[in-house]
């Protein structure tokens, strides 16, 4: 299990370690993904609200005074939750951007699995009618 969050290096590093390893390597978080956190979040959603299909989740991503939060959690959320047919809203300040290829994958997931995906900079609109709110 490895956690390597250095920007523009972490995911590449974990992949290189995995190539050289004789045993499975678990990505505990990198600069791009946070897979086990999101699996735990999905399990909690299923436990609390049942089938996630058609449910609306608002992922609010913003600044914290102590540090700028990493993008791996919101990126992983929009990827995983769109795979389960959820209506995913990413609410964030306009200057906060996710990786374009991750956003495109989320849109592709919607075409394949149903649900919806939208990016908003109006936090009130993002929260309105949400079944689940995930502040990050």
Foldseek 3Di string as FASTA:
>chain_A
DDEEAPPPPFVVVQVVVCVVDPDHGDYCYYLAARPVVLVVVVVVCCVPPNQQAAAEEEEEAEQDPVGRDGCHVVLHNLQVSLLSNEAYEYEYAPVDDHDVVSVVNSCVSCVVNNHHYYYHPDVVVRPPPHPHYHYD
